[in-house]
Amino acid sequence: MIWGYGIMGLILALLWWQNGSLQDELKEQHTINKMAINANERWEAEISKLNSEFAKGLETLSELKSKKEVERVYVKERSSNTNSCIDAINGVYERLWERENNRTNKDAKSSYTNEPISAK
């Protein structure tokens, strides 16, 4: 009977020691999980930022494409009215002049002139 109590006490001591060891492992795993959660949150923020910048880039490309399309249609209309080649070139320079005047930076010197090219 004393042997039974001794064995039972030994088993309880072993379980108590193992419980402390498991609690230490649980704390360590909790710390690792917190680090992983923080890393995931930083990645999510970075990916969100990249998605936003990518969307802005696509928007800008779309705007540039539509502007180029407008320019091409403008030149095509100017040159298809049975006018001479010089008139078409003057139309292009006129459009460039308009674009230069519409810029927000008024201090920049224009490299274009508003004078039409004369056919000699």
PDB file of N, CA and C in Angstrom:
ATOM      1  N   MET A   1       0.816  -1.182   0.000  1.00  0.00           N
ATOM      2  CA  MET A   1       0.000   0.000   0.000  1.00  0.00           C
ATOM      3  C   MET A   1       0.871   1.261   0.000  1.00  0.00           C
ATOM      4  N   ILE A   2       1.930   1.277   0.760  1.00  0.00           N
ATOM      5  CA  ILE A   2       2.822   2.414   0.787  1.00  0.00           C
ATOM      6  C   ILE A   2       3.478   2.554  -0.580  1.00  0.00           C
ATOM      7  N   TRP A   3       3.756   1.426  -1.188  1.00  0.00           N
ATOM      8  CA  TRP A   3       4.328   1.458  -2.531  1.00  0.00           C
ATOM      9  C   TRP A   3       3.356   2.113  -3.494  1.00  0.00           C
ATOM     10  N   GLY A   4       2.086   1.898  -3.333  1.00  0.00           N
ATOM     11  CA  GLY A   4       1.051   2.481  -4.194  1.00  0.00           C
ATOM     12  C   GLY A   4       1.026   4.001  -4.074  1.00  0.00           C
ATOM     13  N   TYR A   5       1.125   4.473  -2.784  1.00  0.00           N
ATOM     14  CA  TYR A   5       1.145   5.928  -2.579  1.00  0.00           C
ATOM     15  C   TYR A   5       2.420   6.544  -3.140  1.00  0.00           C
ATOM     16  N   GLY A   6       3.510   5.857  -2.993  1.00  0.00           N
ATOM     17  CA  GLY A   6       4.794   6.320  -3.506  1.00  0.00           C
ATOM     18  C   GLY A   6       4.778   6.424  -5.031  1.00  0.00           C
ATOM     19  N   ILE A   7       4.218   5.394  -5.675  1.00  0.00           N
ATOM     20  CA  ILE A   7       4.136   5.403  -7.137  1.00  0.00           C
ATOM     21  C   ILE A   7       3.184   6.502  -7.600  1.00  0.00           C
ATOM     22  N   MET A   8       2.063   6.624  -6.893  1.00  0.00           N
ATOM     23  CA  MET A   8       1.097   7.663  -7.254  1.00  0.00           C
ATOM     24  C   MET A   8       1.702   9.053  -7.055  1.00  0.00           C
ATOM     25  N   GLY A   9       2.466   9.256  -6.007  1.00  0.00           N
ATOM     26  CA  GLY A   9       3.140  10.539  -5.763  1.00  0.00           C
ATOM     27  C   GLY A   9       4.167  10.829  -6.843  1.00  0.00           C
ATOM     28  N   LEU A  10       4.899   9.785  -7.266  1.00  0.00           N
ATOM     29  CA  LEU A  10       5.883   9.937  -8.328  1.00  0.00           C
ATOM     30  C   LEU A  10       5.213  10.315  -9.649  1.00  0.00           C
ATOM     31  N   ILE A  11       4.089   9.667  -9.939  1.00  0.00           N
ATOM     32  CA  ILE A  11       3.333   9.976 -11.164  1.00  0.00           C
ATOM     33  C   ILE A  11       2.833  11.423 -11.109  1.00  0.00           C
ATOM     34  N   LEU A  12       2.301  11.860  -9.972  1.00  0.00           N
ATOM     35  CA  LEU A  12       1.818  13.242  -9.833  1.00  0.00           C
ATOM     36  C   LEU A  12       2.965  14.244  -9.972  1.00  0.00           C
ATOM     37  N   ALA A  13       4.126  13.934  -9.418  1.00  0.00           N
ATOM     38  CA  ALA A  13       5.281  14.832  -9.527  1.00  0.00           C
ATOM     39  C   ALA A  13       5.724  14.940 -10.997  1.00  0.00           C
ATOM     40  N   LEU A  14       5.725  13.799 -11.705  1.00  0.00           N
ATOM     41  CA  LEU A  14       6.087  13.788 -13.118  1.00  0.00           C
ATOM     42  C   LEU A  14       5.102  14.615 -13.937  1.00  0.00           C
ATOM     43  N   LEU A  15       3.815  14.466 -13.661  1.00  0.00           N
ATOM     44  CA  LEU A  15       2.792  15.239 -14.381  1.00  0.00           C
ATOM     45  C   LEU A  15       2.936  16.725 -14.087  1.00  0.00           C
ATOM     46  N   TRP A  16       3.219  17.079 -12.832  1.00  0.00           N
ATOM     47  CA  TRP A  16       3.394  18.485 -12.469  1.00  0.00           C
ATOM     48  C   TRP A  16       4.603  19.075 -13.191  1.00  0.00           C
ATOM     49  N   TRP A  17       5.706  18.336 -13.261  1.00  0.00           N
ATOM     50  CA  TRP A  17       6.923  18.787 -13.956  1.00  0.00           C
ATOM     51  C   TRP A  17       6.657  18.927 -15.451  1.00  0.00           C
ATOM     52  N   GLN A  18       5.945  17.934 -16.022  1.00  0.00           N
ATOM     53  CA  GLN A  18       5.638  17.987 -17.448  1.00  0.00           C
ATOM     54  C   GLN A  18       4.690  19.144 -17.759  1.00  0.00           C
ATOM     55  N   ASN A  19       3.766  19.462 -16.871  1.00  0.00           N
ATOM     56  CA  ASN A  19       2.849  20.588 -17.050  1.00  0.00           C
ATOM     57  C   ASN A  19       3.626  21.895 -17.115  1.00  0.00           C
ATOM     58  N   GLY A  20       4.605  22.085 -16.254  1.00  0.00           N
ATOM     59  CA  GLY A  20       5.432  23.294 -16.279  1.00  0.00           C
ATOM     60  C   GLY A  20       6.212  23.396 -17.575  1.00  0.00           C
ATOM     61  N   SER A  21       6.733  22.269 -18.042  1.00  0.00           N
ATOM     62  CA  SER A  21       7.479  22.249 -19.301  1.00  0.00           C
ATOM     63  C   SER A  21       6.573  22.607 -20.468  1.00  0.00           C
ATOM     64  N   LEU A  22       5.371  22.061 -20.470  1.00  0.00           N
ATOM     65  CA  LEU A  22       4.412  22.355 -21.545  1.00  0.00           C
ATOM     66  C   LEU A  22       3.981  23.820 -21.527  1.00  0.00           C
ATOM     67  N   GLN A  23       3.844  24.402 -20.335  1.00  0.00           N
ATOM     68  CA  GLN A  23       3.483  25.821 -20.249  1.00  0.00           C
ATOM     69  C   GLN A  23       4.599  26.699 -20.812  1.00  0.00           C
ATOM     70  N   ASP A  24       5.843  26.340 -20.566  1.00  0.00           N
ATOM     71  CA  ASP A  24       6.969  27.093 -21.139  1.00  0.00           C
ATOM     72  C   ASP A  24       6.949  27.011 -22.661  1.00  0.00           C
ATOM     73  N   GLU A  25       6.690  25.806 -23.211  1.00  0.00           N
ATOM     74  CA  GLU A  25       6.609  25.641 -24.662  1.00  0.00           C
ATOM     75  C   GLU A  25       5.442  26.439 -25.237  1.00  0.00           C
ATOM     76  N   LEU A  26       4.338  26.469 -24.497  1.00  0.00           N
ATOM     77  CA  LEU A  26       3.165  27.220 -24.938  1.00  0.00           C
ATOM     78  C   LEU A  26       3.465  28.718 -24.985  1.00  0.00           C
ATOM     79  N   LYS A  27       4.181  29.247 -24.000  1.00  0.00           N
ATOM     80  CA  LYS A  27       4.571  30.661 -24.010  1.00  0.00           C
ATOM     81  C   LYS A  27       5.478  30.962 -25.197  1.00  0.00           C
ATOM     82  N   GLU A  28       6.430  30.056 -25.461  1.00  0.00           N
ATOM     83  CA  GLU A  28       7.337  30.246 -26.589  1.00  0.00           C
ATOM     84  C   GLU A  28       6.569  30.226 -27.908  1.00  0.00           C
ATOM     85  N   GLN A  29       5.635  29.298 -28.038  1.00  0.00           N
ATOM     86  CA  GLN A  29       4.829  29.219 -29.262  1.00  0.00           C
ATOM     87  C   GLN A  29       3.947  30.462 -29.413  1.00  0.00           C
ATOM     88  N   HIS A  30       3.437  30.975 -28.311  1.00  0.00           N
ATOM     89  CA  HIS A  30       2.624  32.193 -28.328  1.00  0.00           C
ATOM     90  C   HIS A  30       3.457  33.378 -28.845  1.00  0.00           C
ATOM     91  N   THR A  31       4.701  33.480 -28.395  1.00  0.00           N
ATOM     92  CA  THR A  31       5.603  34.542 -28.855  1.00  0.00           C
ATOM     93  C   THR A  31       5.874  34.409 -30.352  1.00  0.00           C
ATOM     94  N   ILE A  32       6.122  33.180 -30.801  1.00  0.00           N
ATOM     95  CA  ILE A  32       6.362  32.948 -32.229  1.00  0.00           C
ATOM     96  C   ILE A  32       5.123  33.313 -33.042  1.00  0.00           C
ATOM     97  N   ASN A  33       3.946  32.967 -32.553  1.00  0.00           N
ATOM     98  CA  ASN A  33       2.700  33.302 -33.252  1.00  0.00           C
ATOM     99  C   ASN A  33       2.489  34.808 -33.349  1.00  0.00           C
ATOM    100  N   LYS A  34       2.819  35.540 -32.278  1.00  0.00           N
ATOM    101  CA  LYS A  34       2.704  37.005 -32.314  1.00  0.00           C
ATOM    102  C   LYS A  34       3.622  37.595 -33.369  1.00  0.00           C
ATOM    103  N   MET A  35       4.849  37.068 -33.464  1.00  0.00           N
ATOM    104  CA  MET A  35       5.798  37.560 -34.463  1.00  0.00           C
ATOM    105  C   MET A  35       5.277  37.273 -35.871  1.00  0.00           C
ATOM    106  N   ALA A  36       4.699  36.088 -36.059  1.00  0.00           N
ATOM    107  CA  ALA A  36       4.160  35.738 -37.380  1.00  0.00           C
ATOM    108  C   ALA A  36       2.969  36.631 -37.736  1.00  0.00           C
ATOM    109  N   ILE A  37       2.119  36.929 -36.768  1.00  0.00           N
ATOM    110  CA  ILE A  37       0.966  37.805 -37.008  1.00  0.00           C
ATOM    111  C   ILE A  37       1.434  39.204 -37.386  1.00  0.00           C
ATOM    112  N   ASN A  38       2.425  39.726 -36.678  1.00  0.00           N
ATOM    113  CA  ASN A  38       2.972  41.059 -36.993  1.00  0.00           C
ATOM    114  C   ASN A  38       3.584  41.087 -38.389  1.00  0.00           C
ATOM    115  N   ALA A  39       4.317  40.032 -38.741  1.00  0.00           N
ATOM    116  CA  ALA A  39       4.917  39.969 -40.079  1.00  0.00           C
ATOM    117  C   ALA A  39       3.826  39.919 -41.145  1.00  0.00           C
ATOM    118  N   ASN A  40       2.782  39.147 -40.914  1.00  0.00           N
ATOM    119  CA  ASN A  40       1.672  39.061 -41.875  1.00  0.00           C
ATOM    120  C   ASN A  40       0.967  40.399 -42.035  1.00  0.00           C
ATOM    121  N   GLU A  41       0.784  41.125 -40.947  1.00  0.00           N
ATOM    122  CA  GLU A  41       0.132  42.440 -41.021  1.00  0.00           C
ATOM    123  C   GLU A  41       0.984  43.420 -41.818  1.00  0.00           C
ATOM    124  N   ARG A  42       2.307  43.362 -41.622  1.00  0.00           N
ATOM    125  CA  ARG A  42       3.189  44.244 -42.396  1.00  0.00           C
ATOM    126  C   ARG A  42       3.140  43.890 -43.880  1.00  0.00           C
ATOM    127  N   TRP A  43       3.124  42.594 -44.190  1.00  0.00           N
ATOM    128  CA  TRP A  43       3.033  42.166 -45.589  1.00  0.00           C
ATOM    129  C   TRP A  43       1.715  42.605 -46.209  1.00  0.00           C
ATOM    130  N   GLU A  44       0.628  42.463 -45.461  1.00  0.00           N
ATOM    131  CA  GLU A  44      -0.681  42.886 -45.979  1.00  0.00           C
ATOM    132  C   GLU A  44      -0.680  44.386 -46.274  1.00  0.00           C
ATOM    133  N   ALA A  45      -0.101  45.177 -45.391  1.00  0.00           N
ATOM    134  CA  ALA A  45      -0.033  46.624 -45.615  1.00  0.00           C
ATOM    135  C   ALA A  45       0.811  46.937 -46.852  1.00  0.00           C
ATOM    136  N   GLU A  46       1.923  46.242 -47.000  1.00  0.00           N
ATOM    137  CA  GLU A  46       2.798  46.474 -48.157  1.00  0.00           C
ATOM    138  C   GLU A  46       2.103  46.071 -49.456  1.00  0.00           C
ATOM    139  N   ILE A  47       1.411  44.943 -49.432  1.00  0.00           N
ATOM    140  CA  ILE A  47       0.694  44.482 -50.625  1.00  0.00           C
ATOM    141  C   ILE A  47      -0.437  45.443 -50.967  1.00  0.00           C
ATOM    142  N   SER A  48      -1.130  45.933 -49.964  1.00  0.00           N
ATOM    143  CA  SER A  48      -2.193  46.909 -50.197  1.00  0.00           C
ATOM    144  C   SER A  48      -1.631  48.175 -50.835  1.00  0.00           C
ATOM    145  N   LYS A  49      -0.484  48.624 -50.339  1.00  0.00           N
ATOM    146  CA  LYS A  49       0.169  49.816 -50.892  1.00  0.00           C
ATOM    147  C   LYS A  49       0.575  49.573 -52.352  1.00  0.00           C
ATOM    148  N   LEU A  50       1.152  48.404 -52.629  1.00  0.00           N
ATOM    149  CA  LEU A  50       1.558  48.073 -53.994  1.00  0.00           C
ATOM    150  C   LEU A  50       0.352  47.985 -54.922  1.00  0.00           C
ATOM    151  N   ASN A  51      -0.752  47.403 -54.440  1.00  0.00           N
ATOM    152  CA  ASN A  51      -1.972  47.331 -55.252  1.00  0.00           C
ATOM    153  C   ASN A  51      -2.488  48.720 -55.588  1.00  0.00           C
ATOM    154  N   SER A  52      -2.436  49.607 -54.609  1.00  0.00           N
ATOM    155  CA  SER A  52      -2.890  50.979 -54.831  1.00  0.00           C
ATOM    156  C   SER A  52      -2.009  51.682 -55.865  1.00  0.00           C
ATOM    157  N   GLU A  53      -0.689  51.528 -55.732  1.00  0.00           N
ATOM    158  CA  GLU A  53       0.224  52.148 -56.690  1.00  0.00           C
ATOM    159  C   GLU A  53       0.055  51.552 -58.086  1.00  0.00           C
ATOM    160  N   PHE A  54      -0.183  50.247 -58.160  1.00  0.00           N
ATOM    161  CA  PHE A  54      -0.391  49.583 -59.441  1.00  0.00           C
ATOM    162  C   PHE A  54      -1.661  50.110 -60.110  1.00  0.00           C
ATOM    163  N   ALA A  55      -2.730  50.287 -59.307  1.00  0.00           N
ATOM    164  CA  ALA A  55      -3.985  50.817 -59.852  1.00  0.00           C
ATOM    165  C   ALA A  55      -3.786  52.240 -60.376  1.00  0.00           C
ATOM    166  N   LYS A  56      -3.024  53.058 -59.623  1.00  0.00           N
ATOM    167  CA  LYS A  56      -2.737  54.423 -60.083  1.00  0.00           C
ATOM    168  C   LYS A  56      -1.937  54.399 -61.382  1.00  0.00           C
ATOM    169  N   GLY A  57      -0.984  53.466 -61.475  1.00  0.00           N
ATOM    170  CA  GLY A  57      -0.192  53.338 -62.694  1.00  0.00           C
ATOM    171  C   GLY A  57      -1.050  52.964 -63.888  1.00  0.00           C
ATOM    172  N   LEU A  58      -1.970  52.019 -63.687  1.00  0.00           N
ATOM    173  CA  LEU A  58      -2.879  51.632 -64.766  1.00  0.00           C
ATOM    174  C   LEU A  58      -3.769  52.798 -65.181  1.00  0.00           C
ATOM    175  N   GLU A  59      -4.209  53.566 -64.203  1.00  0.00           N
ATOM    176  CA  GLU A  59      -5.038  54.742 -64.483  1.00  0.00           C
ATOM    177  C   GLU A  59      -4.257  55.758 -65.325  1.00  0.00           C
ATOM    178  N   THR A  60      -3.018  55.991 -64.943  1.00  0.00           N
ATOM    179  CA  THR A  60      -2.174  56.933 -65.681  1.00  0.00           C
ATOM    180  C   THR A  60      -1.931  56.450 -67.102  1.00  0.00           C
ATOM    181  N   LEU A  61      -1.644  55.156 -67.254  1.00  0.00           N
ATOM    182  CA  LEU A  61      -1.442  54.605 -68.595  1.00  0.00           C
ATOM    183  C   LEU A  61      -2.697  54.733 -69.441  1.00  0.00           C
ATOM    184  N   SER A  62      -3.837  54.518 -68.827  1.00  0.00           N
ATOM    185  CA  SER A  62      -5.097  54.648 -69.550  1.00  0.00           C
ATOM    186  C   SER A  62      -5.323  56.086 -70.006  1.00  0.00           C
ATOM    187  N   GLU A  63      -5.011  57.038 -69.119  1.00  0.00           N
ATOM    188  CA  GLU A  63      -5.141  58.454 -69.478  1.00  0.00           C
ATOM    189  C   GLU A  63      -4.197  58.818 -70.619  1.00  0.00           C
ATOM    190  N   LEU A  64      -2.958  58.334 -70.548  1.00  0.00           N
ATOM    191  CA  LEU A  64      -1.988  58.617 -71.613  1.00  0.00           C
ATOM    192  C   LEU A  64      -2.452  58.026 -72.941  1.00  0.00           C
ATOM    193  N   LYS A  65      -2.989  56.819 -72.876  1.00  0.00           N
ATOM    194  CA  LYS A  65      -3.467  56.172 -74.098  1.00  0.00           C
ATOM    195  C   LYS A  65      -4.611  56.971 -74.712  1.00  0.00           C
ATOM    196  N   SER A  66      -5.542  57.425 -73.867  1.00  0.00           N
ATOM    197  CA  SER A  66      -6.674  58.185 -74.400  1.00  0.00           C
ATOM    198  C   SER A  66      -6.212  59.533 -74.958  1.00  0.00           C
ATOM    199  N   LYS A  67      -5.207  60.156 -74.316  1.00  0.00           N
ATOM    200  CA  LYS A  67      -4.679  61.421 -74.840  1.00  0.00           C
ATOM    201  C   LYS A  67      -4.007  61.208 -76.188  1.00  0.00           C
ATOM    202  N   LYS A  68      -3.234  60.128 -76.308  1.00  0.00           N
ATOM    203  CA  LYS A  68      -2.581  59.840 -77.581  1.00  0.00           C
ATOM    204  C   LYS A  68      -3.621  59.566 -78.662  1.00  0.00           C
ATOM    205  N   GLU A  69      -4.703  58.898 -78.290  1.00  0.00           N
ATOM    206  CA  GLU A  69      -5.767  58.601 -79.254  1.00  0.00           C
ATOM    207  C   GLU A  69      -6.408  59.896 -79.735  1.00  0.00           C
ATOM    208  N   VAL A  70      -6.644  60.837 -78.815  1.00  0.00           N
ATOM    209  CA  VAL A  70      -7.218  62.132 -79.185  1.00  0.00           C
ATOM    210  C   VAL A  70      -6.270  62.866 -80.123  1.00  0.00           C
ATOM    211  N   GLU A  71      -4.959  62.846 -79.805  1.00  0.00           N
ATOM    212  CA  GLU A  71      -3.979  63.516 -80.657  1.00  0.00           C
ATOM    213  C   GLU A  71      -3.978  62.899 -82.056  1.00  0.00           C
ATOM    214  N   ARG A  72      -4.015  61.575 -82.125  1.00  0.00           N
ATOM    215  CA  ARG A  72      -3.974  60.901 -83.419  1.00  0.00           C
ATOM    216  C   ARG A  72      -5.219  61.228 -84.240  1.00  0.00           C
ATOM    217  N   VAL A  73      -6.385  61.249 -83.602  1.00  0.00           N
ATOM    218  CA  VAL A  73      -7.630  61.587 -84.305  1.00  0.00           C
ATOM    219  C   VAL A  73      -7.579  63.032 -84.784  1.00  0.00           C
ATOM    220  N   TYR A  74      -7.053  63.930 -83.942  1.00  0.00           N
ATOM    221  CA  TYR A  74      -6.954  65.343 -84.303  1.00  0.00           C
ATOM    222  C   TYR A  74      -6.091  65.521 -85.548  1.00  0.00           C
ATOM    223  N   VAL A  75      -4.909  64.885 -85.556  1.00  0.00           N
ATOM    224  CA  VAL A  75      -4.013  65.005 -86.703  1.00  0.00           C
ATOM    225  C   VAL A  75      -4.646  64.360 -87.924  1.00  0.00           C
ATOM    226  N   LYS A  76      -5.301  63.228 -87.738  1.00  0.00           N
ATOM    227  CA  LYS A  76      -5.933  62.542 -88.872  1.00  0.00           C
ATOM    228  C   LYS A  76      -7.022  63.421 -89.480  1.00  0.00           C
ATOM    229  N   GLU A  77      -7.833  64.062 -88.614  1.00  0.00           N
ATOM    230  CA  GLU A  77      -8.892  64.940 -89.120  1.00  0.00           C
ATOM    231  C   GLU A  77      -8.295  66.145 -89.833  1.00  0.00           C
ATOM    232  N   ARG A  78      -7.219  66.684 -89.275  1.00  0.00           N
ATOM    233  CA  ARG A  78      -6.590  67.855 -89.890  1.00  0.00           C
ATOM    234  C   ARG A  78      -6.015  67.504 -91.261  1.00  0.00           C
ATOM    235  N   SER A  79      -5.443  66.325 -91.387  1.00  0.00           N
ATOM    236  CA  SER A  79      -4.754  65.983 -92.619  1.00  0.00           C
ATOM    237  C   SER A  79      -5.675  65.327 -93.648  1.00  0.00           C
ATOM    238  N   SER A  80      -6.879  64.942 -93.273  1.00  0.00           N
ATOM    239  CA  SER A  80      -7.745  64.255 -94.230  1.00  0.00           C
ATOM    240  C   SER A  80      -8.747  65.183 -94.916  1.00  0.00           C
ATOM    241  N   ASN A  81      -8.643  66.471 -94.659  1.00  0.00           N
ATOM    242  CA  ASN A  81      -9.575  67.426 -95.277  1.00  0.00           C
ATOM    243  C   ASN A  81      -9.059  67.899 -96.633  1.00  0.00           C
ATOM    244  N   THR A  82      -8.419  67.049 -97.349  1.00  0.00           N
ATOM    245  CA  THR A  82      -7.825  67.327 -98.665  1.00  0.00           C
ATOM    246  C   THR A  82      -6.935  68.570 -98.638  1.00  0.00           C
ATOM    247  N   ASN A  83      -6.273  68.780 -97.522  1.00  0.00           N
ATOM    248  CA  ASN A  83      -5.324  69.885 -97.406  1.00  0.00           C
ATOM    249  C   ASN A  83      -3.940  69.384 -97.783  1.00  0.00           C
ATOM    250  N   SER A  84      -3.058  70.294 -97.934  1.00  0.00           N
ATOM    251  CA  SER A  84      -1.696  69.914 -98.291  1.00  0.00           C
ATOM    252  C   SER A  84      -0.977  69.342 -97.073  1.00  0.00           C
ATOM    253  N   CYS A  85       0.168  68.788 -97.333  1.00  0.00           N
ATOM    254  CA  CYS A  85       1.011  68.238 -96.278  1.00  0.00           C
ATOM    255  C   CYS A  85       1.438  69.351 -95.318  1.00  0.00           C
ATOM    256  N   ILE A  86       1.727  70.517 -95.863  1.00  0.00           N
ATOM    257  CA  ILE A  86       2.136  71.663 -95.033  1.00  0.00           C
ATOM    258  C   ILE A  86       1.014  72.040 -94.081  1.00  0.00           C
ATOM    259  N   ASP A  87      -0.251  72.000 -94.545  1.00  0.00           N
ATOM    260  CA  ASP A  87      -1.375  72.318 -93.664  1.00  0.00           C
ATOM    261  C   ASP A  87      -1.464  71.297 -92.530  1.00  0.00           C
ATOM    262  N   ALA A  88      -1.211  70.041 -92.846  1.00  0.00           N
ATOM    263  CA  ALA A  88      -1.243  69.003 -91.812  1.00  0.00           C
ATOM    264  C   ALA A  88      -0.151  69.238 -90.777  1.00  0.00           C
ATOM    265  N   ILE A  89       1.050  69.591 -91.245  1.00  0.00           N
ATOM    266  CA  ILE A  89       2.155  69.877 -90.320  1.00  0.00           C
ATOM    267  C   ILE A  89       1.839  71.104 -89.483  1.00  0.00           C
ATOM    268  N   ASN A  90       1.261  72.128 -90.104  1.00  0.00           N
ATOM    269  CA  ASN A  90       0.848  73.315 -89.342  1.00  0.00           C
ATOM    270  C   ASN A  90      -0.182  72.946 -88.289  1.00  0.00           C
ATOM    271  N   GLY A  91      -1.075  72.018 -88.637  1.00  0.00           N
ATOM    272  CA  GLY A  91      -2.065  71.561 -87.659  1.00  0.00           C
ATOM    273  C   GLY A  91      -1.414  70.882 -86.472  1.00  0.00           C
ATOM    274  N   VAL A  92      -0.389  70.073 -86.744  1.00  0.00           N
ATOM    275  CA  VAL A  92       0.341  69.406 -85.662  1.00  0.00           C
ATOM    276  C   VAL A  92       1.020  70.438 -84.778  1.00  0.00           C
ATOM    277  N   TYR A  93       1.710  71.410 -85.387  1.00  0.00           N
ATOM    278  CA  TYR A  93       2.370  72.450 -84.592  1.00  0.00           C
ATOM    279  C   TYR A  93       1.361  73.286 -83.811  1.00  0.00           C
ATOM    280  N   GLU A  94       0.215  73.530 -84.410  1.00  0.00           N
ATOM    281  CA  GLU A  94      -0.829  74.285 -83.704  1.00  0.00           C
ATOM    282  C   GLU A  94      -1.299  73.515 -82.470  1.00  0.00           C
ATOM    283  N   ARG A  95      -1.465  72.214 -82.640  1.00  0.00           N
ATOM    284  CA  ARG A  95      -1.895  71.384 -81.509  1.00  0.00           C
ATOM    285  C   ARG A  95      -0.817  71.335 -80.431  1.00  0.00           C
ATOM    286  N   LEU A  96       0.432  71.239 -80.834  1.00  0.00           N
ATOM    287  CA  LEU A  96       1.528  71.259 -79.860  1.00  0.00           C
ATOM    288  C   LEU A  96       1.574  72.587 -79.124  1.00  0.00           C
ATOM    289  N   TRP A  97       1.329  73.657 -79.842  1.00  0.00           N
ATOM    290  CA  TRP A  97       1.292  74.982 -79.226  1.00  0.00           C
ATOM    291  C   TRP A  97       0.166  75.066 -78.203  1.00  0.00           C
ATOM    292  N   GLU A  98      -1.015  74.543 -78.569  1.00  0.00           N
ATOM    293  CA  GLU A  98      -2.142  74.534 -77.628  1.00  0.00           C
ATOM    294  C   GLU A  98      -1.799  73.737 -76.379  1.00  0.00           C
ATOM    295  N   ARG A  99      -1.178  72.584 -76.565  1.00  0.00           N
ATOM    296  CA  ARG A  99      -0.816  71.750 -75.431  1.00  0.00           C
ATOM    297  C   ARG A  99       0.190  72.462 -74.540  1.00  0.00           C
ATOM    298  N   GLU A 100       1.145  73.135 -75.154  1.00  0.00           N
ATOM    299  CA  GLU A 100       2.151  73.870 -74.390  1.00  0.00           C
ATOM    300  C   GLU A 100       1.487  74.968 -73.560  1.00  0.00           C
ATOM    301  N   ASN A 101       0.501  75.653 -74.133  1.00  0.00           N
ATOM    302  CA  ASN A 101      -0.182  76.728 -73.411  1.00  0.00           C
ATOM    303  C   ASN A 101      -1.072  76.205 -72.294  1.00  0.00           C
ATOM    304  N   ASN A 102      -1.489  74.965 -72.397  1.00  0.00           N
ATOM    305  CA  ASN A 102      -2.374  74.390 -71.377  1.00  0.00           C
ATOM    306  C   ASN A 102      -1.619  73.770 -70.216  1.00  0.00           C
ATOM    307  N   ARG A 103      -0.326  73.746 -70.279  1.00  0.00           N
ATOM    308  CA  ARG A 103       0.452  73.156 -69.182  1.00  0.00           C
ATOM    309  C   ARG A 103       0.275  73.971 -67.919  1.00  0.00           C
ATOM    310  N   THR A 104       0.367  73.303 -66.799  1.00  0.00           N
ATOM    311  CA  THR A 104       0.219  74.004 -65.518  1.00  0.00           C
ATOM    312  C   THR A 104       1.454  74.801 -65.164  1.00  0.00           C
ATOM    313  N   ASN A 105       2.607  74.415 -65.658  1.00  0.00           N
ATOM    314  CA  ASN A 105       3.836  75.121 -65.360  1.00  0.00           C
ATOM    315  C   ASN A 105       4.030  76.226 -66.391  1.00  0.00           C
ATOM    316  N   LYS A 106       3.596  77.411 -66.076  1.00  0.00           N
ATOM    317  CA  LYS A 106       3.658  78.546 -67.011  1.00  0.00           C
ATOM    318  C   LYS A 106       5.060  79.121 -67.124  1.00  0.00           C
ATOM    319  N   ASP A 107       5.957  78.760 -66.199  1.00  0.00           N
ATOM    320  CA  ASP A 107       7.299  79.326 -66.213  1.00  0.00           C
ATOM    321  C   ASP A 107       8.206  78.656 -67.236  1.00  0.00           C
ATOM    322  N   ALA A 108       7.828  77.447 -67.685  1.00  0.00           N
ATOM    323  CA  ALA A 108       8.695  76.725 -68.630  1.00  0.00           C
ATOM    324  C   ALA A 108       8.675  77.424 -69.979  1.00  0.00           C
ATOM    325  N   LYS A 109       9.847  77.568 -70.576  1.00  0.00           N
ATOM    326  CA  LYS A 109       9.914  78.203 -71.895  1.00  0.00           C
ATOM    327  C   LYS A 109       9.435  77.227 -72.944  1.00  0.00           C
ATOM    328  N   SER A 110       8.684  77.714 -73.869  1.00  0.00           N
ATOM    329  CA  SER A 110       8.176  76.871 -74.938  1.00  0.00           C
ATOM    330  C   SER A 110       9.228  76.705 -76.015  1.00  0.00           C
ATOM    331  N   SER A 111       9.355  75.459 -76.506  1.00  0.00           N
ATOM    332  CA  SER A 111      10.284  75.205 -77.602  1.00  0.00           C
ATOM    333  C   SER A 111       9.554  75.229 -78.939  1.00  0.00           C
ATOM    334  N   TYR A 112       8.251  75.489 -78.877  1.00  0.00           N
ATOM    335  CA  TYR A 112       7.449  75.529 -80.099  1.00  0.00           C
ATOM    336  C   TYR A 112       7.087  76.979 -80.431  1.00  0.00           C
ATOM    337  N   THR A 113       6.847  77.224 -81.675  1.00  0.00           N
ATOM    338  CA  THR A 113       6.373  78.548 -82.063  1.00  0.00           C
ATOM    339  C   THR A 113       4.973  78.405 -82.622  1.00  0.00           C
ATOM    340  N   ASN A 114       4.254  79.470 -82.621  1.00  0.00           N
ATOM    341  CA  ASN A 114       2.888  79.450 -83.119  1.00  0.00           C
ATOM    342  C   ASN A 114       2.829  79.915 -84.573  1.00  0.00           C
ATOM    343  N   GLU A 115       3.988  80.070 -85.183  1.00  0.00           N
ATOM    344  CA  GLU A 115       4.008  80.537 -86.569  1.00  0.00           C
ATOM    345  C   GLU A 115       3.899  79.344 -87.507  1.00  0.00           C
ATOM    346  N   PRO A 116       2.986  79.411 -88.493  1.00  0.00           N
ATOM    347  CA  PRO A 116       2.871  78.290 -89.416  1.00  0.00           C
ATOM    348  C   PRO A 116       4.079  78.210 -90.330  1.00  0.00           C
ATOM    349  N   ILE A 117       4.344  76.997 -90.796  1.00  0.00           N
ATOM    350  CA  ILE A 117       5.444  76.774 -91.722  1.00  0.00           C
ATOM    351  C   ILE A 117       4.950  77.206 -93.092  1.00  0.00           C
ATOM    352  N   SER A 118       5.751  77.984 -93.787  1.00  0.00           N
ATOM    353  CA  SER A 118       5.324  78.451 -95.099  1.00  0.00           C
ATOM    354  C   SER A 118       5.913  77.535 -96.191  1.00  0.00           C
ATOM    355  N   ALA A 119       5.107  77.262 -97.178  1.00  0.00           N
ATOM    356  CA  ALA A 119       5.564  76.454 -98.315  1.00  0.00           C
ATOM    357  C   ALA A 119       6.296  77.366 -99.291  1.00  0.00           C
ATOM    358  N   LYS A 120       7.513  77.043 -99.631  1.00  0.00           N
ATOM    359  CA  LYS A 120       8.298  77.904-100.541  1.00  0.00           C
ATOM    360  C   LYS A 120       8.506  77.196-101.846  1.00  0.00           C
TER     361      LYS A 120
END
